[in-house]
Amino acid sequence: MELLYARNELTEKPKKVQLDKIKEELEKSGEKIFYFDRDNSHKDMMSLVDALEDVGFNVYFREVKYGLADDEYMYEVHAL
């Protein structure tokens, strides 16, 4: 599964990341907060949460709004 990290600037393209890379980062640190771009589908985000929970992590997921428009949000995934 390929996901998109959140953008640092509105004009730049989001960076891609594979699910295996996310799991590797979590195995090293044990806990991490990830921010993902709004262009990811909600279904893909739920698949990420399920995949991390299957490995044994507790996962907290939410949408973070950073503006007033409907498309001004990102996904936050906190894995413990």
N, C-alpha and C. Protein backbone atom coordinates (compact mmCIF):
# COMPACT_ATOMS: atom_id res chain seq x y z
N MET A 1 0.85 -1.17 0.00
CA MET A 1 0.00 0.00 0.00
C MET A 1 0.89 1.24 0.00
N GLU A 2 0.53 2.21 -0.80
CA GLU A 2 1.28 3.45 -0.91
C GLU A 2 0.42 4.60 -0.39
N LEU A 3 0.97 5.40 0.52
CA LEU A 3 0.26 6.54 1.10
C LEU A 3 1.04 7.81 0.83
N LEU A 4 0.40 8.95 1.06
CA LEU A 4 1.03 10.24 0.84
C LEU A 4 1.20 10.98 2.16
N TYR A 5 2.45 11.37 2.48
CA TYR A 5 2.68 12.20 3.66
C TYR A 5 2.06 13.58 3.44
N ALA A 6 1.76 14.27 4.51
CA ALA A 6 1.19 15.62 4.42
C ALA A 6 2.21 16.56 3.78
N ARG A 7 1.71 17.53 3.08
CA ARG A 7 2.55 18.53 2.41
C ARG A 7 3.06 19.53 3.44
N ASN A 8 4.26 20.06 3.20
CA ASN A 8 4.78 21.15 4.03
C ASN A 8 4.29 22.49 3.53
N GLU A 9 4.09 22.60 2.24
CA GLU A 9 3.58 23.81 1.60
C GLU A 9 2.40 23.42 0.72
N LEU A 10 1.44 24.31 0.57
CA LEU A 10 0.24 24.01 -0.21
C LEU A 10 0.54 23.77 -1.69
N THR A 11 1.63 24.37 -2.18
CA THR A 11 1.93 24.28 -3.61
C THR A 11 2.78 23.06 -3.97
N GLU A 12 3.38 22.40 -3.00
CA GLU A 12 4.24 21.26 -3.34
C GLU A 12 3.45 19.95 -3.37
N LYS A 13 4.02 18.96 -4.00
CA LYS A 13 3.38 17.65 -4.09
C LYS A 13 3.70 16.84 -2.84
N PRO A 14 2.76 16.03 -2.38
CA PRO A 14 3.04 15.19 -1.21
C PRO A 14 4.00 14.06 -1.55
N LYS A 15 4.81 13.66 -0.56
CA LYS A 15 5.77 12.57 -0.75
C LYS A 15 5.09 11.24 -0.50
N LYS A 16 5.48 10.24 -1.29
CA LYS A 16 4.89 8.90 -1.17
C LYS A 16 5.69 8.06 -0.19
N VAL A 17 4.97 7.15 0.49
CA VAL A 17 5.61 6.23 1.43
C VAL A 17 4.89 4.89 1.37
N GLN A 18 5.65 3.82 1.50
CA GLN A 18 5.09 2.47 1.50
C GLN A 18 4.75 2.06 2.94
N LEU A 19 3.80 1.16 3.08
CA LEU A 19 3.39 0.66 4.40
C LEU A 19 4.56 0.00 5.12
N ASP A 20 5.40 -0.71 4.41
CA ASP A 20 6.55 -1.38 5.03
C ASP A 20 7.50 -0.37 5.67
N LYS A 21 7.69 0.77 5.04
CA LYS A 21 8.57 1.82 5.57
C LYS A 21 7.99 2.40 6.87
N ILE A 22 6.68 2.55 6.93
CA ILE A 22 6.02 3.06 8.14
C ILE A 22 6.21 2.06 9.29
N LYS A 23 6.05 0.77 8.99
CA LYS A 23 6.24 -0.27 10.01
C LYS A 23 7.69 -0.28 10.50
N GLU A 24 8.65 -0.11 9.60
CA GLU A 24 10.07 -0.07 10.00
C GLU A 24 10.34 1.09 10.94
N GLU A 25 9.80 2.26 10.65
CA GLU A 25 10.00 3.43 11.50
C GLU A 25 9.41 3.19 12.89
N LEU A 26 8.26 2.54 12.94
CA LEU A 26 7.63 2.26 14.22
C LEU A 26 8.39 1.21 15.03
N GLU A 27 8.98 0.24 14.36
CA GLU A 27 9.76 -0.77 15.06
C GLU A 27 11.01 -0.16 15.69
N LYS A 28 11.58 0.85 15.03
CA LYS A 28 12.77 1.52 15.56
C LYS A 28 12.43 2.38 16.77
N SER A 29 11.39 3.19 16.66
CA SER A 29 11.08 4.15 17.72
C SER A 29 10.04 3.65 18.72
N GLY A 30 9.15 2.76 18.29
CA GLY A 30 8.12 2.23 19.18
C GLY A 30 6.88 3.10 19.28
N GLU A 31 7.02 4.37 19.01
CA GLU A 31 5.89 5.31 19.06
C GLU A 31 6.18 6.44 18.09
N LYS A 32 5.17 6.84 17.33
CA LYS A 32 5.38 7.92 16.37
C LYS A 32 4.04 8.50 15.95
N ILE A 33 4.07 9.78 15.60
CA ILE A 33 2.89 10.45 15.05
C ILE A 33 3.19 10.74 13.59
N PHE A 34 2.28 10.30 12.72
CA PHE A 34 2.41 10.53 11.28
C PHE A 34 1.30 11.48 10.83
N TYR A 35 1.60 12.33 9.86
CA TYR A 35 0.60 13.19 9.25
C TYR A 35 0.52 12.85 7.77
N PHE A 36 -0.68 12.57 7.30
CA PHE A 36 -0.90 12.16 5.92
C PHE A 36 -1.77 13.17 5.19
N ASP A 37 -1.56 13.25 3.88
CA ASP A 37 -2.24 14.21 3.03
C ASP A 37 -3.72 13.89 2.84
N ARG A 38 -4.50 14.91 2.57
CA ARG A 38 -5.94 14.74 2.36
C ARG A 38 -6.26 13.97 1.08
N ASP A 39 -5.28 13.85 0.16
CA ASP A 39 -5.49 13.11 -1.08
C ASP A 39 -5.57 11.60 -0.87
N ASN A 40 -5.16 11.12 0.31
CA ASN A 40 -5.34 9.70 0.64
C ASN A 40 -6.83 9.44 0.84
N SER A 41 -7.28 8.29 0.41
CA SER A 41 -8.69 7.97 0.63
C SER A 41 -8.89 7.53 2.08
N HIS A 42 -10.09 7.76 2.58
CA HIS A 42 -10.41 7.36 3.95
C HIS A 42 -10.28 5.84 4.09
N LYS A 43 -10.62 5.13 3.04
CA LYS A 43 -10.52 3.67 3.04
C LYS A 43 -9.06 3.23 3.21
N ASP A 44 -8.13 3.89 2.52
CA ASP A 44 -6.71 3.57 2.66
C ASP A 44 -6.21 3.87 4.07
N MET A 45 -6.71 4.95 4.65
CA MET A 45 -6.30 5.30 6.00
C MET A 45 -6.80 4.27 7.01
N MET A 46 -8.01 3.77 6.82
CA MET A 46 -8.54 2.74 7.70
C MET A 46 -7.78 1.42 7.52
N SER A 47 -7.33 1.17 6.30
CA SER A 47 -6.50 -0.02 6.04
C SER A 47 -5.16 0.10 6.76
N LEU A 48 -4.59 1.30 6.80
CA LEU A 48 -3.35 1.54 7.53
C LEU A 48 -3.56 1.28 9.02
N VAL A 49 -4.64 1.82 9.57
CA VAL A 49 -4.93 1.61 10.99
C VAL A 49 -5.07 0.13 11.29
N ASP A 50 -5.80 -0.59 10.46
CA ASP A 50 -5.99 -2.03 10.66
C ASP A 50 -4.67 -2.79 10.57
N ALA A 51 -3.83 -2.42 9.60
CA ALA A 51 -2.55 -3.10 9.42
C ALA A 51 -1.64 -2.88 10.63
N LEU A 52 -1.63 -1.67 11.17
CA LEU A 52 -0.79 -1.39 12.34
C LEU A 52 -1.34 -2.08 13.59
N GLU A 53 -2.66 -2.14 13.72
CA GLU A 53 -3.24 -2.84 14.86
C GLU A 53 -2.99 -4.34 14.78
N ASP A 54 -2.96 -4.90 13.58
CA ASP A 54 -2.68 -6.32 13.40
C ASP A 54 -1.26 -6.68 13.85
N VAL A 55 -0.34 -5.72 13.72
CA VAL A 55 1.04 -5.94 14.13
C VAL A 55 1.19 -5.77 15.65
N GLY A 56 0.21 -5.17 16.31
CA GLY A 56 0.26 -5.03 17.76
C GLY A 56 0.34 -3.61 18.28
N PHE A 57 0.20 -2.62 17.43
CA PHE A 57 0.23 -1.23 17.87
C PHE A 57 -1.17 -0.75 18.24
N ASN A 58 -1.24 0.15 19.21
CA ASN A 58 -2.47 0.88 19.49
C ASN A 58 -2.43 2.12 18.61
N VAL A 59 -3.50 2.36 17.86
CA VAL A 59 -3.50 3.44 16.87
C VAL A 59 -4.66 4.40 17.14
N TYR A 60 -4.33 5.68 17.16
CA TYR A 60 -5.33 6.75 17.28
C TYR A 60 -5.34 7.52 15.97
N PHE A 61 -6.51 7.69 15.41
CA PHE A 61 -6.66 8.29 14.08
C PHE A 61 -7.65 9.43 14.16
N ARG A 62 -7.33 10.55 13.51
CA ARG A 62 -8.27 11.66 13.44
C ARG A 62 -7.94 12.55 12.25
N GLU A 63 -8.94 13.36 11.88
CA GLU A 63 -8.74 14.38 10.85
C GLU A 63 -8.42 15.69 11.55
N VAL A 64 -7.39 16.37 11.09
CA VAL A 64 -6.97 17.64 11.67
C VAL A 64 -7.31 18.74 10.68
N LYS A 65 -8.18 19.67 11.07
CA LYS A 65 -8.53 20.81 10.21
C LYS A 65 -7.57 21.95 10.52
N TYR A 66 -7.01 22.54 9.46
CA TYR A 66 -6.10 23.67 9.65
C TYR A 66 -6.61 24.94 9.00
N GLY A 67 -7.85 24.91 8.52
CA GLY A 67 -8.47 26.08 7.90
C GLY A 67 -9.97 25.95 7.93
N LEU A 68 -10.65 26.92 7.38
CA LEU A 68 -12.11 26.92 7.40
C LEU A 68 -12.74 26.22 6.21
N ALA A 69 -12.00 26.06 5.13
CA ALA A 69 -12.55 25.41 3.94
C ALA A 69 -12.68 23.91 4.17
N ASP A 70 -13.57 23.28 3.42
CA ASP A 70 -13.81 21.85 3.57
C ASP A 70 -12.59 20.99 3.21
N ASP A 71 -11.75 21.47 2.31
CA ASP A 71 -10.61 20.67 1.87
C ASP A 71 -9.31 21.03 2.61
N GLU A 72 -9.41 21.74 3.69
CA GLU A 72 -8.22 22.12 4.47
C GLU A 72 -8.11 21.24 5.71
N TYR A 73 -7.67 20.00 5.47
CA TYR A 73 -7.48 19.06 6.56
C TYR A 73 -6.39 18.07 6.19
N MET A 74 -5.92 17.35 7.18
CA MET A 74 -4.96 16.26 6.98
C MET A 74 -5.31 15.17 7.98
N TYR A 75 -4.74 14.02 7.79
CA TYR A 75 -4.98 12.89 8.68
C TYR A 75 -3.82 12.76 9.66
N GLU A 76 -4.14 12.51 10.92
CA GLU A 76 -3.13 12.27 11.94
C GLU A 76 -3.27 10.83 12.42
N VAL A 77 -2.16 10.11 12.44
CA VAL A 77 -2.13 8.73 12.92
C VAL A 77 -1.06 8.66 14.00
N HIS A 78 -1.49 8.36 15.23
CA HIS A 78 -0.56 8.23 16.36
C HIS A 78 -0.51 6.76 16.72
N ALA A 79 0.63 6.15 16.54
CA ALA A 79 0.79 4.72 16.81
C ALA A 79 1.67 4.53 18.04
N LEU A 80 1.20 3.71 18.96
CA LEU A 80 1.94 3.40 20.19
C LEU A 80 2.22 1.91 20.24
